[in-house]
Amino acid sequence: MDRNCQNTINMKVNKYDTVSLINQLIWDWDVDVSSTMEGVQKKIQIKNFLGVGFTAKFGNKLF
């Protein structure tokens, strides 16, 4: 793998809600993504993730 860059942002919205944002970029010039008439293309792979969390309290315990 030539390059792997991951950015993570975690946010607490309020007492009960949280949000996570994850972006990942991968440069791997040893992997051929697709072939065309002009030759092999090398491309950047991108992954995005959004997570939402909720916390609830039941009785005296926090879950």
C-alpha atoms as a PDB file:
ATOM      1  CA  MET A   1       0.000   0.000   0.000  1.00  0.00           C
ATOM      2  CA  ASP A   2       1.436   3.334  -1.006  1.00  0.00           C
ATOM      3  CA  ARG A   3      -0.713   5.736   1.040  1.00  0.00           C
ATOM      4  CA  ASN A   4      -3.564   5.335   3.541  1.00  0.00           C
ATOM      5  CA  CYS A   5      -5.029   8.471   5.123  1.00  0.00           C
ATOM      6  CA  GLN A   6      -7.902   8.306   7.634  1.00  0.00           C
ATOM      7  CA  ASN A   7      -9.577  11.281   9.331  1.00  0.00           C
ATOM      8  CA  THR A   8     -11.941  10.755  12.267  1.00  0.00           C
ATOM      9  CA  ILE A   9     -14.178  13.354  13.901  1.00  0.00           C
ATOM     10  CA  ASN A  10     -16.129  12.448  17.056  1.00  0.00           C
ATOM     11  CA  MET A  11     -18.723  14.934  18.326  1.00  0.00           C
ATOM     12  CA  LYS A  12     -20.920  14.919  21.399  1.00  0.00           C
ATOM     13  CA  VAL A  13     -24.104  16.725  20.346  1.00  0.00           C
ATOM     14  CA  ASN A  14     -25.770  16.766  23.752  1.00  0.00           C
ATOM     15  CA  LYS A  15     -26.085  14.584  26.873  1.00  0.00           C
ATOM     16  CA  TYR A  16     -27.590  11.689  24.892  1.00  0.00           C
ATOM     17  CA  ASP A  17     -26.395  11.942  21.257  1.00  0.00           C
ATOM     18  CA  THR A  18     -22.988  11.450  19.607  1.00  0.00           C
ATOM     19  CA  VAL A  19     -21.905  11.613  15.951  1.00  0.00           C
ATOM     20  CA  SER A  20     -18.803  10.099  14.300  1.00  0.00           C
ATOM     21  CA  LEU A  21     -17.521  11.040  10.838  1.00  0.00           C
ATOM     22  CA  ILE A  22     -14.764   8.947   9.226  1.00  0.00           C
ATOM     23  CA  ASN A  23     -13.140   9.627   5.833  1.00  0.00           C
ATOM     24  CA  GLN A  24     -10.484   7.320   4.365  1.00  0.00           C
ATOM     25  CA  LEU A  25      -8.398   7.774   1.202  1.00  0.00           C
ATOM     26  CA  ILE A  26      -6.236   4.961  -0.211  1.00  0.00           C
ATOM     27  CA  TRP A  27      -3.604   5.352  -2.938  1.00  0.00           C
ATOM     28  CA  ASP A  28      -2.234   1.979  -4.088  1.00  0.00           C
ATOM     29  CA  TRP A  29      -0.592   2.230  -7.471  1.00  0.00           C
ATOM     30  CA  ASP A  30       0.167  -1.518  -7.540  1.00  0.00           C
ATOM     31  CA  VAL A  31      -3.548  -2.371  -7.932  1.00  0.00           C
ATOM     32  CA  ASP A  32      -5.245  -1.973 -11.295  1.00  0.00           C
ATOM     33  CA  VAL A  33      -8.773  -0.612 -10.901  1.00  0.00           C
ATOM     34  CA  SER A  34      -9.933  -0.972 -14.492  1.00  0.00           C
ATOM     35  CA  SER A  35      -8.572  -1.479 -17.986  1.00  0.00           C
ATOM     36  CA  THR A  36      -9.384   0.749 -20.937  1.00  0.00           C
ATOM     37  CA  MET A  37      -8.304   0.926 -24.557  1.00  0.00           C
ATOM     38  CA  GLU A  38      -5.631   3.408 -23.473  1.00  0.00           C
ATOM     39  CA  GLY A  39      -4.223   1.132 -20.764  1.00  0.00           C
ATOM     40  CA  VAL A  40      -4.592   0.473 -17.068  1.00  0.00           C
ATOM     41  CA  GLN A  41      -6.034   3.214 -14.866  1.00  0.00           C
ATOM     42  CA  LYS A  42      -4.857   3.857 -11.311  1.00  0.00           C
ATOM     43  CA  LYS A  43      -7.467   5.520  -9.111  1.00  0.00           C
ATOM     44  CA  ILE A  44      -7.903   6.706  -5.548  1.00  0.00           C
ATOM     45  CA  GLN A  45     -10.251   4.702  -3.322  1.00  0.00           C
ATOM     46  CA  ILE A  46     -12.527   6.697  -0.992  1.00  0.00           C
ATOM     47  CA  LYS A  47     -14.560   5.447   1.982  1.00  0.00           C
ATOM     48  CA  ASN A  48     -16.921   7.630   4.059  1.00  0.00           C
ATOM     49  CA  PHE A  49     -18.703   6.600   7.256  1.00  0.00           C
ATOM     50  CA  LEU A  50     -21.308   8.375   9.389  1.00  0.00           C
ATOM     51  CA  GLY A  51     -22.253   6.929  12.774  1.00  0.00           C
ATOM     52  CA  VAL A  52     -24.932   8.199  15.148  1.00  0.00           C
ATOM     53  CA  GLY A  53     -25.110   7.038  18.765  1.00  0.00           C
ATOM     54  CA  PHE A  54     -27.788   7.397  21.427  1.00  0.00           C
ATOM     55  CA  THR A  55     -27.398   6.846  25.185  1.00  0.00           C
ATOM     56  CA  ALA A  56     -30.373   6.088  27.441  1.00  0.00           C
ATOM     57  CA  LYS A  57     -30.647   5.821  31.213  1.00  0.00           C
ATOM     58  CA  PHE A  58     -32.847   3.151  32.798  1.00  0.00           C
ATOM     59  CA  GLY A  59     -33.136   3.290  36.574  1.00  0.00           C
ATOM     60  CA  ASN A  60     -29.756   4.022  38.205  1.00  0.00           C
ATOM     61  CA  LYS A  61     -27.634   2.534  35.399  1.00  0.00           C
ATOM     62  CA  LEU A  62     -26.383   4.312  32.285  1.00  0.00           C
ATOM     63  CA  PHE A  63     -26.370   2.092  29.161  1.00  0.00           C
END
